[in-house]
Amino acid sequence: MCIYLCMHVYGSKYTYAENHFGYWLKAYTHSSRNYYDRIVHFSFGFLLAYPMRELFLKWLKYPKIVAWVLPIEITLSISALYELIEWAVADVFFKSQGDAYLGTQGDIWDAQKDIFMAFLGAILATTIVSLIKKTFSIYEKQI
């Protein structure tokens, strides 16, 4: 969680579209876009799904399938809510600077791609953790 929060603070200091690490990555990959924004959205799902999964399993005693699905659904919901709030703020308070505020970098599907990146991160995290735990439980039974 600390890594995600540090990435978020670093991104908000320079704005996500104007981030220095994103410019370095842009030059390194020879792309036309600063991808720091997408990295942080992916990290939101990837780095926060595991703590949510553990919360549902260990503290709330939910079944394993629910503890796998719920972090993905929560990540998807929070990401969509954030993008809607971001759009509303840009539309209400920054009408003339909307695109610059949103940091879409000319991509009309930026919000949907950001939501998908968080969704993908959560799916990967929960799947990887589930497979690791399943592998170790099989290994422990053999010993």
N, C-alpha and C. Protein backbone atom coordinates (compact mmCIF):
# COMPACT_ATOMS: atom_id res chain seq x y z
N MET A 1 0.84 -1.19 0.00
CA MET A 1 0.00 0.00 0.00
C MET A 1 0.88 1.25 0.00
N CYS A 2 1.99 1.18 0.71
CA CYS A 2 2.89 2.32 0.78
C CYS A 2 3.47 2.66 -0.60
N ILE A 3 3.82 1.64 -1.37
CA ILE A 3 4.36 1.86 -2.71
C ILE A 3 3.33 2.58 -3.58
N TYR A 4 2.08 2.12 -3.53
CA TYR A 4 1.03 2.78 -4.31
C TYR A 4 0.87 4.23 -3.89
N LEU A 5 0.83 4.49 -2.59
CA LEU A 5 0.65 5.86 -2.11
C LEU A 5 1.82 6.75 -2.52
N CYS A 6 3.03 6.22 -2.48
CA CYS A 6 4.19 7.00 -2.93
C CYS A 6 4.10 7.31 -4.42
N MET A 7 3.68 6.34 -5.21
CA MET A 7 3.51 6.58 -6.65
C MET A 7 2.45 7.65 -6.90
N HIS A 8 1.38 7.59 -6.12
CA HIS A 8 0.28 8.54 -6.26
C HIS A 8 0.73 9.96 -5.89
N VAL A 9 1.45 10.09 -4.80
CA VAL A 9 1.94 11.40 -4.37
C VAL A 9 2.93 11.95 -5.38
N TYR A 10 3.85 11.11 -5.87
CA TYR A 10 4.82 11.54 -6.87
C TYR A 10 4.11 11.99 -8.15
N GLY A 11 3.09 11.24 -8.55
CA GLY A 11 2.33 11.60 -9.75
C GLY A 11 1.55 12.89 -9.58
N SER A 12 0.99 13.10 -8.43
CA SER A 12 0.19 14.31 -8.23
C SER A 12 1.06 15.55 -8.05
N LYS A 13 2.31 15.36 -7.68
CA LYS A 13 3.21 16.52 -7.55
C LYS A 13 3.46 17.17 -8.91
N TYR A 14 3.66 16.36 -9.94
CA TYR A 14 3.97 16.88 -11.27
C TYR A 14 2.79 16.81 -12.23
N THR A 15 1.68 16.30 -11.83
CA THR A 15 0.53 15.86 -12.63
C THR A 15 0.95 14.61 -13.40
N TYR A 16 0.01 13.74 -13.59
CA TYR A 16 0.32 12.45 -14.19
C TYR A 16 0.79 12.57 -15.64
N ALA A 17 0.23 13.49 -16.38
CA ALA A 17 0.60 13.64 -17.79
C ALA A 17 1.95 14.33 -17.96
N GLU A 18 2.42 15.03 -16.95
CA GLU A 18 3.68 15.78 -17.03
C GLU A 18 4.75 15.21 -16.11
N ASN A 19 4.62 13.98 -15.71
CA ASN A 19 5.51 13.36 -14.75
C ASN A 19 6.88 13.05 -15.37
N HIS A 20 7.95 13.30 -14.63
CA HIS A 20 9.31 13.11 -15.15
C HIS A 20 9.62 11.64 -15.45
N PHE A 21 9.20 10.75 -14.57
CA PHE A 21 9.41 9.32 -14.83
C PHE A 21 8.67 8.90 -16.10
N GLY A 22 7.47 9.43 -16.27
CA GLY A 22 6.70 9.13 -17.48
C GLY A 22 7.39 9.62 -18.74
N TYR A 23 8.04 10.78 -18.66
CA TYR A 23 8.79 11.28 -19.82
C TYR A 23 10.00 10.39 -20.11
N TRP A 24 10.67 9.94 -19.06
CA TRP A 24 11.80 9.03 -19.27
C TRP A 24 11.30 7.74 -19.92
N LEU A 25 10.20 7.20 -19.42
CA LEU A 25 9.63 5.98 -19.97
C LEU A 25 9.18 6.19 -21.42
N LYS A 26 8.63 7.35 -21.68
CA LYS A 26 8.20 7.69 -23.04
C LYS A 26 9.39 7.69 -24.00
N ALA A 27 10.50 8.29 -23.58
CA ALA A 27 11.70 8.32 -24.43
C ALA A 27 12.31 6.93 -24.56
N TYR A 28 12.31 6.17 -23.47
CA TYR A 28 12.91 4.83 -23.47
C TYR A 28 12.14 3.88 -24.38
N THR A 29 10.81 3.97 -24.36
CA THR A 29 9.99 3.06 -25.18
C THR A 29 9.64 3.64 -26.55
N HIS A 30 10.07 4.87 -26.80
CA HIS A 30 9.79 5.55 -28.07
C HIS A 30 8.29 5.63 -28.37
N SER A 31 7.51 5.91 -27.33
CA SER A 31 6.07 6.02 -27.50
C SER A 31 5.68 7.50 -27.58
N SER A 32 4.44 7.73 -27.94
CA SER A 32 3.96 9.11 -28.06
C SER A 32 3.19 9.55 -26.82
N ARG A 33 3.14 8.71 -25.80
CA ARG A 33 2.34 9.00 -24.62
C ARG A 33 3.15 8.82 -23.34
N ASN A 34 2.85 9.66 -22.35
CA ASN A 34 3.42 9.53 -21.02
C ASN A 34 2.54 8.52 -20.27
N TYR A 35 3.07 7.32 -20.03
CA TYR A 35 2.28 6.23 -19.47
C TYR A 35 2.28 6.16 -17.95
N TYR A 36 2.81 7.16 -17.27
CA TYR A 36 2.84 7.10 -15.81
C TYR A 36 1.42 6.96 -15.23
N ASP A 37 0.48 7.65 -15.82
CA ASP A 37 -0.93 7.58 -15.39
C ASP A 37 -1.44 6.14 -15.42
N ARG A 38 -1.18 5.44 -16.50
CA ARG A 38 -1.65 4.06 -16.63
C ARG A 38 -0.94 3.13 -15.64
N ILE A 39 0.34 3.40 -15.39
CA ILE A 39 1.09 2.59 -14.42
C ILE A 39 0.47 2.73 -13.03
N VAL A 40 0.11 3.96 -12.66
CA VAL A 40 -0.47 4.18 -11.33
C VAL A 40 -1.86 3.54 -11.24
N HIS A 41 -2.64 3.61 -12.31
CA HIS A 41 -3.96 2.96 -12.29
C HIS A 41 -3.80 1.44 -12.18
N PHE A 42 -2.86 0.86 -12.91
CA PHE A 42 -2.59 -0.57 -12.80
C PHE A 42 -2.15 -0.91 -11.37
N SER A 43 -1.29 -0.09 -10.82
CA SER A 43 -0.79 -0.31 -9.46
C SER A 43 -1.90 -0.23 -8.42
N PHE A 44 -2.88 0.61 -8.67
CA PHE A 44 -4.02 0.70 -7.75
C PHE A 44 -4.66 -0.68 -7.58
N GLY A 45 -4.94 -1.33 -8.69
CA GLY A 45 -5.54 -2.66 -8.61
C GLY A 45 -4.57 -3.70 -8.13
N PHE A 46 -3.34 -3.67 -8.65
CA PHE A 46 -2.36 -4.71 -8.36
C PHE A 46 -1.88 -4.67 -6.91
N LEU A 47 -1.64 -3.49 -6.38
CA LEU A 47 -1.05 -3.39 -5.05
C LEU A 47 -2.08 -3.34 -3.92
N LEU A 48 -3.33 -3.02 -4.23
CA LEU A 48 -4.33 -2.93 -3.17
C LEU A 48 -5.29 -4.11 -3.12
N ALA A 49 -5.31 -4.93 -4.15
CA ALA A 49 -6.22 -6.09 -4.15
C ALA A 49 -5.83 -7.12 -3.10
N TYR A 50 -4.53 -7.35 -2.93
CA TYR A 50 -4.09 -8.35 -1.95
C TYR A 50 -4.47 -7.97 -0.52
N PRO A 51 -4.22 -6.74 -0.07
CA PRO A 51 -4.67 -6.40 1.29
C PRO A 51 -6.19 -6.54 1.46
N MET A 52 -6.94 -6.17 0.42
CA MET A 52 -8.40 -6.34 0.50
C MET A 52 -8.75 -7.82 0.61
N ARG A 53 -8.09 -8.66 -0.17
CA ARG A 53 -8.34 -10.10 -0.14
C ARG A 53 -8.07 -10.66 1.25
N GLU A 54 -6.97 -10.27 1.84
CA GLU A 54 -6.63 -10.74 3.18
C GLU A 54 -7.64 -10.25 4.22
N LEU A 55 -8.12 -9.03 4.05
CA LEU A 55 -9.15 -8.50 4.95
C LEU A 55 -10.40 -9.36 4.91
N PHE A 56 -10.82 -9.70 3.70
CA PHE A 56 -12.04 -10.50 3.56
C PHE A 56 -11.84 -11.94 4.04
N LEU A 57 -10.66 -12.50 3.84
CA LEU A 57 -10.40 -13.88 4.27
C LEU A 57 -10.16 -13.99 5.77
N LYS A 58 -9.24 -13.20 6.28
CA LYS A 58 -8.76 -13.38 7.65
C LYS A 58 -9.65 -12.70 8.69
N TRP A 59 -10.07 -11.49 8.42
CA TRP A 59 -10.82 -10.73 9.41
C TRP A 59 -12.32 -10.96 9.31
N LEU A 60 -12.84 -10.96 8.08
CA LEU A 60 -14.28 -11.08 7.90
C LEU A 60 -14.73 -12.51 7.63
N LYS A 61 -13.77 -13.41 7.40
CA LYS A 61 -14.03 -14.85 7.22
C LYS A 61 -14.97 -15.15 6.05
N TYR A 62 -14.78 -14.42 4.96
CA TYR A 62 -15.57 -14.68 3.76
C TYR A 62 -15.04 -15.94 3.07
N PRO A 63 -15.87 -16.59 2.27
CA PRO A 63 -15.40 -17.74 1.50
C PRO A 63 -14.31 -17.31 0.50
N LYS A 64 -13.47 -18.26 0.10
CA LYS A 64 -12.32 -17.94 -0.78
C LYS A 64 -12.75 -17.30 -2.10
N ILE A 65 -13.83 -17.79 -2.70
CA ILE A 65 -14.26 -17.24 -3.99
C ILE A 65 -14.72 -15.79 -3.84
N VAL A 66 -15.37 -15.50 -2.74
CA VAL A 66 -15.82 -14.12 -2.48
C VAL A 66 -14.61 -13.23 -2.24
N ALA A 67 -13.63 -13.75 -1.49
CA ALA A 67 -12.42 -12.99 -1.22
C ALA A 67 -11.58 -12.79 -2.47
N TRP A 68 -11.79 -13.60 -3.50
CA TRP A 68 -11.11 -13.41 -4.78
C TRP A 68 -11.86 -12.39 -5.64
N VAL A 69 -13.18 -12.48 -5.68
CA VAL A 69 -13.98 -11.63 -6.57
C VAL A 69 -14.18 -10.22 -6.00
N LEU A 70 -14.40 -10.10 -4.73
CA LEU A 70 -14.73 -8.80 -4.13
C LEU A 70 -13.65 -7.73 -4.33
N PRO A 71 -12.36 -8.02 -4.15
CA PRO A 71 -11.36 -6.98 -4.42
C PRO A 71 -11.37 -6.50 -5.87
N ILE A 72 -11.65 -7.41 -6.78
CA ILE A 72 -11.73 -7.03 -8.20
C ILE A 72 -12.92 -6.10 -8.42
N GLU A 73 -14.06 -6.47 -7.87
CA GLU A 73 -15.25 -5.64 -8.02
C GLU A 73 -15.09 -4.28 -7.35
N ILE A 74 -14.49 -4.26 -6.18
CA ILE A 74 -14.29 -2.99 -5.47
C ILE A 74 -13.32 -2.10 -6.24
N THR A 75 -12.25 -2.69 -6.76
CA THR A 75 -11.29 -1.93 -7.56
C THR A 75 -11.97 -1.34 -8.79
N LEU A 76 -12.75 -2.13 -9.47
CA LEU A 76 -13.47 -1.66 -10.66
C LEU A 76 -14.44 -0.54 -10.29
N SER A 77 -15.17 -0.69 -9.20
CA SER A 77 -16.14 0.32 -8.77
C SER A 77 -15.47 1.62 -8.36
N ILE A 78 -14.40 1.53 -7.57
CA ILE A 78 -13.72 2.74 -7.12
C ILE A 78 -13.06 3.46 -8.30
N SER A 79 -12.50 2.70 -9.22
CA SER A 79 -11.88 3.30 -10.41
C SER A 79 -12.91 4.05 -11.25
N ALA A 80 -14.05 3.43 -11.46
CA ALA A 80 -15.11 4.07 -12.24
C ALA A 80 -15.63 5.31 -11.52
N LEU A 81 -15.83 5.21 -10.23
CA LEU A 81 -16.30 6.36 -9.45
C LEU A 81 -15.29 7.51 -9.51
N TYR A 82 -14.00 7.19 -9.39
CA TYR A 82 -12.96 8.22 -9.47
C TYR A 82 -12.99 8.91 -10.82
N GLU A 83 -13.09 8.15 -11.90
CA GLU A 83 -13.10 8.75 -13.24
C GLU A 83 -14.35 9.62 -13.44
N LEU A 84 -15.48 9.20 -12.89
CA LEU A 84 -16.69 10.02 -12.98
C LEU A 84 -16.55 11.32 -12.20
N ILE A 85 -15.97 11.25 -11.01
CA ILE A 85 -15.75 12.46 -10.21
C ILE A 85 -14.76 13.37 -10.92
N GLU A 86 -13.70 12.80 -11.47
CA GLU A 86 -12.71 13.59 -12.20
C GLU A 86 -13.35 14.31 -13.38
N TRP A 87 -14.19 13.60 -14.12
CA TRP A 87 -14.88 14.21 -15.25
C TRP A 87 -15.82 15.33 -14.78
N ALA A 88 -16.57 15.09 -13.71
CA ALA A 88 -17.51 16.09 -13.20
C ALA A 88 -16.79 17.35 -12.73
N VAL A 89 -15.67 17.18 -12.04
CA VAL A 89 -14.90 18.34 -11.58
C VAL A 89 -14.39 19.13 -12.78
N ALA A 90 -13.87 18.43 -13.78
CA ALA A 90 -13.37 19.11 -14.98
C ALA A 90 -14.49 19.83 -15.71
N ASP A 91 -15.66 19.22 -15.76
CA ASP A 91 -16.79 19.82 -16.49
C ASP A 91 -17.40 21.00 -15.74
N VAL A 92 -17.40 20.95 -14.42
CA VAL A 92 -18.02 22.01 -13.63
C VAL A 92 -17.05 23.15 -13.35
N PHE A 93 -15.83 22.83 -12.90
CA PHE A 93 -14.91 23.86 -12.44
C PHE A 93 -13.86 24.29 -13.46
N PHE A 94 -13.51 23.44 -14.39
CA PHE A 94 -12.44 23.75 -15.33
C PHE A 94 -12.87 23.55 -16.77
N LYS A 95 -14.00 24.13 -17.15
CA LYS A 95 -14.53 23.91 -18.50
C LYS A 95 -13.52 24.25 -19.59
N SER A 96 -12.84 25.36 -19.48
CA SER A 96 -11.91 25.76 -20.53
C SER A 96 -10.62 24.93 -20.51
N GLN A 97 -10.29 24.34 -19.38
CA GLN A 97 -9.05 23.57 -19.26
C GLN A 97 -9.34 22.07 -19.08
N GLY A 98 -10.50 21.62 -19.48
CA GLY A 98 -10.93 20.25 -19.21
C GLY A 98 -9.95 19.18 -19.61
N ASP A 99 -9.47 19.21 -20.86
CA ASP A 99 -8.53 18.18 -21.34
C ASP A 99 -7.21 18.23 -20.58
N ALA A 100 -6.72 19.43 -20.32
CA ALA A 100 -5.46 19.57 -19.58
C ALA A 100 -5.62 19.06 -18.15
N TYR A 101 -6.75 19.37 -17.53
CA TYR A 101 -6.99 18.91 -16.15
C TYR A 101 -7.11 17.39 -16.10
N LEU A 102 -7.82 16.82 -17.04
CA LEU A 102 -8.02 15.37 -17.04
C LEU A 102 -6.76 14.61 -17.43
N GLY A 103 -5.86 15.25 -18.16
CA GLY A 103 -4.63 14.59 -18.57
C GLY A 103 -4.84 13.48 -19.56
N THR A 104 -5.82 13.64 -20.45
CA THR A 104 -6.13 12.57 -21.40
C THR A 104 -5.08 12.43 -22.49
N GLN A 105 -4.27 13.44 -22.70
CA GLN A 105 -3.22 13.44 -23.72
C GLN A 105 -3.79 13.11 -25.10
N GLY A 106 -4.98 13.60 -25.37
CA GLY A 106 -5.60 13.42 -26.67
C GLY A 106 -6.33 12.10 -26.87
N ASP A 107 -6.40 11.27 -25.86
CA ASP A 107 -7.05 9.96 -25.95
C ASP A 107 -8.48 10.07 -25.42
N ILE A 108 -9.47 9.92 -26.30
CA ILE A 108 -10.86 10.05 -25.86
C ILE A 108 -11.30 8.89 -24.98
N TRP A 109 -10.57 7.78 -25.03
CA TRP A 109 -10.91 6.61 -24.23
C TRP A 109 -10.03 6.50 -22.98
N ASP A 110 -9.41 7.58 -22.57
CA ASP A 110 -8.48 7.56 -21.44
C ASP A 110 -9.13 7.05 -20.16
N ALA A 111 -10.31 7.51 -19.83
CA ALA A 111 -10.98 7.10 -18.59
C ALA A 111 -11.26 5.59 -18.61
N GLN A 112 -11.73 5.09 -19.73
CA GLN A 112 -12.04 3.66 -19.82
C GLN A 112 -10.77 2.82 -19.74
N LYS A 113 -9.69 3.29 -20.35
CA LYS A 113 -8.42 2.56 -20.29
C LYS A 113 -7.85 2.58 -18.88
N ASP A 114 -8.01 3.70 -18.18
CA ASP A 114 -7.55 3.78 -16.79
C ASP A 114 -8.32 2.79 -15.90
N ILE A 115 -9.61 2.73 -16.08
CA ILE A 115 -10.44 1.79 -15.32
C ILE A 115 -10.01 0.36 -15.63
N PHE A 116 -9.78 0.08 -16.90
CA PHE A 116 -9.37 -1.27 -17.29
C PHE A 116 -8.02 -1.65 -16.70
N MET A 117 -7.09 -0.69 -16.64
CA MET A 117 -5.77 -0.98 -16.08
C MET A 117 -5.88 -1.36 -14.60
N ALA A 118 -6.70 -0.65 -13.85
CA ALA A 118 -6.91 -0.98 -12.43
C ALA A 118 -7.57 -2.36 -12.31
N PHE A 119 -8.55 -2.62 -13.15
CA PHE A 119 -9.25 -3.90 -13.19
C PHE A 119 -8.27 -5.03 -13.49
N LEU A 120 -7.44 -4.84 -14.49
CA LEU A 120 -6.44 -5.85 -14.87
C LEU A 120 -5.45 -6.08 -13.73
N GLY A 121 -5.00 -5.02 -13.08
CA GLY A 121 -4.09 -5.16 -11.96
C GLY A 121 -4.69 -5.97 -10.83
N ALA A 122 -5.96 -5.73 -10.52
CA ALA A 122 -6.63 -6.48 -9.45
C ALA A 122 -6.80 -7.95 -9.82
N ILE A 123 -7.16 -8.23 -11.07
CA ILE A 123 -7.30 -9.62 -11.51
C ILE A 123 -5.96 -10.35 -11.42
N LEU A 124 -4.91 -9.71 -11.89
CA LEU A 124 -3.59 -10.34 -11.83
C LEU A 124 -3.15 -10.59 -10.39
N ALA A 125 -3.31 -9.60 -9.53
CA ALA A 125 -2.88 -9.74 -8.14
C ALA A 125 -3.62 -10.86 -7.44
N THR A 126 -4.93 -10.88 -7.54
CA THR A 126 -5.70 -11.90 -6.84
C THR A 126 -5.44 -13.29 -7.42
N THR A 127 -5.25 -13.38 -8.71
CA THR A 127 -4.97 -14.67 -9.35
C THR A 127 -3.59 -15.17 -8.94
N ILE A 128 -2.59 -14.31 -8.98
CA ILE A 128 -1.24 -14.71 -8.60
C ILE A 128 -1.20 -15.16 -7.14
N VAL A 129 -1.81 -14.38 -6.26
CA VAL A 129 -1.82 -14.74 -4.83
C VAL A 129 -2.56 -16.05 -4.62
N SER A 130 -3.69 -16.23 -5.28
CA SER A 130 -4.44 -17.48 -5.13
C SER A 130 -3.63 -18.68 -5.61
N LEU A 131 -2.95 -18.53 -6.74
CA LEU A 131 -2.13 -19.64 -7.25
C LEU A 131 -0.96 -19.94 -6.33
N ILE A 132 -0.32 -18.92 -5.80
CA ILE A 132 0.80 -19.14 -4.88
C ILE A 132 0.32 -19.85 -3.62
N LYS A 133 -0.79 -19.38 -3.08
CA LYS A 133 -1.32 -20.02 -1.86
C LYS A 133 -1.74 -21.46 -2.14
N LYS A 134 -2.34 -21.70 -3.28
CA LYS A 134 -2.76 -23.06 -3.63
C LYS A 134 -1.53 -23.97 -3.80
N THR A 135 -0.49 -23.45 -4.45
CA THR A 135 0.73 -24.22 -4.65
C THR A 135 1.38 -24.58 -3.32
N PHE A 136 1.48 -23.61 -2.41
CA PHE A 136 2.09 -23.88 -1.12
C PHE A 136 1.23 -24.82 -0.27
N SER A 137 -0.09 -24.73 -0.39
CA SER A 137 -0.93 -25.66 0.39
C SER A 137 -0.79 -27.08 -0.12
N ILE A 138 -0.62 -27.25 -1.43
CA ILE A 138 -0.38 -28.59 -2.00
C ILE A 138 0.97 -29.10 -1.52
N TYR A 139 1.97 -28.23 -1.53
CA TYR A 139 3.31 -28.61 -1.10
C TYR A 139 3.32 -29.01 0.38
N GLU A 140 2.62 -28.27 1.23
CA GLU A 140 2.56 -28.57 2.66
C GLU A 140 1.87 -29.90 2.92
N LYS A 141 0.87 -30.25 2.12
CA LYS A 141 0.16 -31.53 2.30
C LYS A 141 1.06 -32.71 1.95
N GLN A 142 2.01 -32.49 1.02
CA GLN A 142 2.90 -33.57 0.63
C GLN A 142 3.97 -33.85 1.68
N ILE A 143 4.26 -32.86 2.48
CA ILE A 143 5.32 -33.01 3.51
C ILE A 143 4.81 -33.71 4.70
